[in-house]
Amino acid sequence: MTLPLSTLADWVGQCGYALQPLVDALREEVLQKPVLHADETPIKVLRADKDRKTHRAYLWAYAPSIHEGLNAVI
């Protein structure tokens, strides 16, 4: 089966919208933990202007300690 890229992109967008309440609840739960592990990963992002060059951005991830009983990364 072949699906147009626009259809797949639409499905991903709809899933993201539908799952946002879960993401918000998980973020609130994780950020309440007393110990968090953090990761700052640099990524290249295309600029929106006409030259289409990239710039450095960062992807931040947070996870509670393994002793918290919550296996989650936000």
N, C-alpha and C. Protein backbone atom coordinates (compact mmCIF):
# COMPACT_ATOMS: atom_id res chain seq x y z
N MET A 1 0.84 -1.16 0.00
CA MET A 1 0.00 0.00 0.00
C MET A 1 0.90 1.24 0.00
N THR A 2 0.59 2.17 -0.84
CA THR A 2 1.32 3.43 -0.91
C THR A 2 0.44 4.55 -0.38
N LEU A 3 0.98 5.30 0.58
CA LEU A 3 0.25 6.44 1.14
C LEU A 3 1.00 7.72 0.83
N PRO A 4 0.27 8.76 0.49
CA PRO A 4 0.93 10.05 0.26
C PRO A 4 1.59 10.55 1.54
N LEU A 5 2.71 11.22 1.39
CA LEU A 5 3.42 11.78 2.53
C LEU A 5 2.52 12.73 3.33
N SER A 6 1.67 13.46 2.63
CA SER A 6 0.78 14.40 3.32
C SER A 6 -0.20 13.67 4.23
N THR A 7 -0.64 12.48 3.83
CA THR A 7 -1.55 11.69 4.66
C THR A 7 -0.83 11.22 5.92
N LEU A 8 0.38 10.72 5.76
CA LEU A 8 1.15 10.28 6.92
C LEU A 8 1.42 11.44 7.87
N ALA A 9 1.78 12.58 7.32
CA ALA A 9 2.05 13.76 8.14
C ALA A 9 0.79 14.18 8.89
N ASP A 10 -0.35 14.10 8.23
CA ASP A 10 -1.62 14.45 8.88
C ASP A 10 -1.92 13.50 10.03
N TRP A 11 -1.70 12.22 9.81
CA TRP A 11 -1.93 11.22 10.87
C TRP A 11 -1.03 11.47 12.08
N VAL A 12 0.23 11.78 11.83
CA VAL A 12 1.16 12.06 12.92
C VAL A 12 0.71 13.29 13.69
N GLY A 13 0.28 14.31 12.98
CA GLY A 13 -0.22 15.52 13.63
C GLY A 13 -1.45 15.26 14.47
N GLN A 14 -2.37 14.45 13.96
CA GLN A 14 -3.58 14.10 14.71
C GLN A 14 -3.24 13.29 15.96
N CYS A 15 -2.30 12.38 15.84
CA CYS A 15 -1.87 11.59 17.00
C CYS A 15 -1.23 12.49 18.06
N GLY A 16 -0.40 13.41 17.62
CA GLY A 16 0.22 14.34 18.55
C GLY A 16 -0.80 15.17 19.29
N TYR A 17 -1.80 15.63 18.57
CA TYR A 17 -2.87 16.43 19.19
C TYR A 17 -3.65 15.59 20.20
N ALA A 18 -3.98 14.36 19.82
CA ALA A 18 -4.77 13.48 20.69
C ALA A 18 -3.99 13.08 21.94
N LEU A 19 -2.68 12.93 21.82
CA LEU A 19 -1.85 12.48 22.95
C LEU A 19 -1.35 13.62 23.84
N GLN A 20 -1.60 14.86 23.47
CA GLN A 20 -1.08 15.99 24.24
C GLN A 20 -1.50 15.98 25.71
N PRO A 21 -2.75 15.64 26.05
CA PRO A 21 -3.10 15.57 27.49
C PRO A 21 -2.26 14.55 28.26
N LEU A 22 -1.93 13.43 27.63
CA LEU A 22 -1.07 12.44 28.27
C LEU A 22 0.34 13.00 28.46
N VAL A 23 0.86 13.68 27.47
CA VAL A 23 2.18 14.30 27.57
C VAL A 23 2.21 15.32 28.70
N ASP A 24 1.18 16.14 28.79
CA ASP A 24 1.11 17.16 29.85
C ASP A 24 1.08 16.53 31.23
N ALA A 25 0.29 15.47 31.40
CA ALA A 25 0.19 14.79 32.70
C ALA A 25 1.52 14.12 33.06
N LEU A 26 2.16 13.51 32.10
CA LEU A 26 3.45 12.86 32.34
C LEU A 26 4.51 13.89 32.70
N ARG A 27 4.52 15.02 32.01
CA ARG A 27 5.48 16.09 32.31
C ARG A 27 5.29 16.57 33.75
N GLU A 28 4.05 16.79 34.15
CA GLU A 28 3.77 17.25 35.50
C GLU A 28 4.26 16.23 36.54
N GLU A 29 4.03 14.96 36.28
CA GLU A 29 4.46 13.90 37.20
C GLU A 29 5.98 13.81 37.29
N VAL A 30 6.65 13.84 36.15
CA VAL A 30 8.11 13.72 36.14
C VAL A 30 8.76 14.92 36.84
N LEU A 31 8.28 16.12 36.57
CA LEU A 31 8.91 17.31 37.13
C LEU A 31 8.69 17.47 38.62
N GLN A 32 7.80 16.68 39.22
CA GLN A 32 7.59 16.71 40.66
C GLN A 32 8.60 15.84 41.41
N LYS A 33 9.33 15.00 40.71
CA LYS A 33 10.29 14.10 41.36
C LYS A 33 11.48 14.89 41.90
N PRO A 34 12.03 14.46 43.05
CA PRO A 34 13.12 15.23 43.66
C PRO A 34 14.45 15.13 42.91
N VAL A 35 14.66 14.05 42.16
CA VAL A 35 15.91 13.88 41.42
C VAL A 35 15.57 13.66 39.95
N LEU A 36 16.17 14.47 39.08
CA LEU A 36 15.97 14.32 37.65
C LEU A 36 17.32 14.21 36.96
N HIS A 37 17.38 13.38 35.95
CA HIS A 37 18.54 13.30 35.08
C HIS A 37 18.19 14.07 33.81
N ALA A 38 19.13 14.85 33.32
CA ALA A 38 18.87 15.68 32.14
C ALA A 38 19.91 15.40 31.06
N ASP A 39 19.47 15.57 29.82
CA ASP A 39 20.37 15.43 28.68
C ASP A 39 20.11 16.59 27.73
N GLU A 40 21.18 17.20 27.26
CA GLU A 40 21.10 18.31 26.32
C GLU A 40 21.81 17.86 25.04
N THR A 41 21.05 17.48 24.05
CA THR A 41 21.63 16.99 22.80
C THR A 41 21.54 18.07 21.73
N PRO A 42 22.67 18.48 21.15
CA PRO A 42 22.62 19.47 20.07
C PRO A 42 22.11 18.83 18.78
N ILE A 43 21.27 19.57 18.07
CA ILE A 43 20.73 19.10 16.80
C ILE A 43 20.81 20.24 15.78
N LYS A 44 20.88 19.88 14.52
CA LYS A 44 20.85 20.88 13.46
C LYS A 44 19.40 21.09 13.02
N VAL A 45 19.01 22.36 12.92
CA VAL A 45 17.66 22.71 12.52
C VAL A 45 17.74 23.66 11.33
N LEU A 46 16.93 23.40 10.32
CA LEU A 46 16.90 24.30 9.16
C LEU A 46 16.30 25.64 9.55
N ARG A 47 16.95 26.70 9.09
CA ARG A 47 16.40 28.04 9.32
C ARG A 47 15.24 28.27 8.37
N ALA A 48 14.32 29.12 8.77
CA ALA A 48 13.13 29.38 7.96
C ALA A 48 13.37 30.37 6.83
N ASP A 49 14.49 31.07 6.86
CA ASP A 49 14.73 32.08 5.82
C ASP A 49 15.13 31.42 4.50
N LYS A 50 15.38 32.22 3.52
CA LYS A 50 15.59 31.71 2.15
C LYS A 50 16.90 30.96 1.96
N ASP A 51 17.91 31.24 2.77
CA ASP A 51 19.20 30.58 2.52
C ASP A 51 19.22 29.12 2.98
N ARG A 52 18.23 28.71 3.76
CA ARG A 52 18.05 27.31 4.17
C ARG A 52 19.27 26.74 4.90
N LYS A 53 20.03 27.58 5.55
CA LYS A 53 21.15 27.10 6.34
C LYS A 53 20.63 26.50 7.65
N THR A 54 21.50 25.78 8.32
CA THR A 54 21.11 25.20 9.60
C THR A 54 21.70 26.01 10.74
N HIS A 55 21.08 25.87 11.89
CA HIS A 55 21.64 26.44 13.11
C HIS A 55 21.54 25.39 14.21
N ARG A 56 22.29 25.59 15.26
CA ARG A 56 22.31 24.62 16.36
C ARG A 56 21.15 24.91 17.31
N ALA A 57 20.41 23.87 17.60
CA ALA A 57 19.35 23.92 18.60
C ALA A 57 19.62 22.78 19.58
N TYR A 58 18.83 22.70 20.61
CA TYR A 58 19.06 21.67 21.62
C TYR A 58 17.77 20.91 21.91
N LEU A 59 17.91 19.62 22.06
CA LEU A 59 16.82 18.75 22.46
C LEU A 59 17.08 18.38 23.92
N TRP A 60 16.17 18.79 24.79
CA TRP A 60 16.32 18.50 26.21
C TRP A 60 15.45 17.31 26.57
N ALA A 61 16.00 16.42 27.38
CA ALA A 61 15.25 15.27 27.89
C ALA A 61 15.46 15.17 29.39
N TYR A 62 14.40 14.86 30.10
CA TYR A 62 14.45 14.70 31.55
C TYR A 62 13.87 13.35 31.93
N ALA A 63 14.51 12.69 32.90
CA ALA A 63 14.03 11.41 33.39
C ALA A 63 14.23 11.36 34.90
N PRO A 64 13.27 10.76 35.62
CA PRO A 64 13.45 10.62 37.07
C PRO A 64 14.46 9.52 37.38
N SER A 65 14.91 9.49 38.60
CA SER A 65 15.83 8.45 39.06
C SER A 65 15.17 7.08 38.94
N ILE A 66 15.98 6.04 38.75
CA ILE A 66 15.42 4.69 38.65
C ILE A 66 14.77 4.26 39.95
N HIS A 67 15.09 4.93 41.04
CA HIS A 67 14.52 4.59 42.35
C HIS A 67 13.14 5.20 42.56
N GLU A 68 12.66 5.97 41.63
CA GLU A 68 11.36 6.63 41.76
C GLU A 68 10.20 5.74 41.33
N GLY A 69 10.49 4.65 40.61
CA GLY A 69 9.42 3.77 40.17
C GLY A 69 8.62 4.30 38.99
N LEU A 70 9.15 5.27 38.30
CA LEU A 70 8.48 5.84 37.13
C LEU A 70 9.44 5.80 35.96
N ASN A 71 9.17 4.95 35.00
CA ASN A 71 10.01 4.85 33.80
C ASN A 71 9.45 5.79 32.74
N ALA A 72 9.99 6.99 32.69
CA ALA A 72 9.48 7.98 31.75
C ALA A 72 10.60 8.93 31.36
N VAL A 73 10.51 9.44 30.16
CA VAL A 73 11.42 10.48 29.67
C VAL A 73 10.57 11.53 29.00
N ILE A 74 10.79 12.77 29.38
CA ILE A 74 10.06 13.86 28.72
C ILE A 74 11.06 14.79 28.07
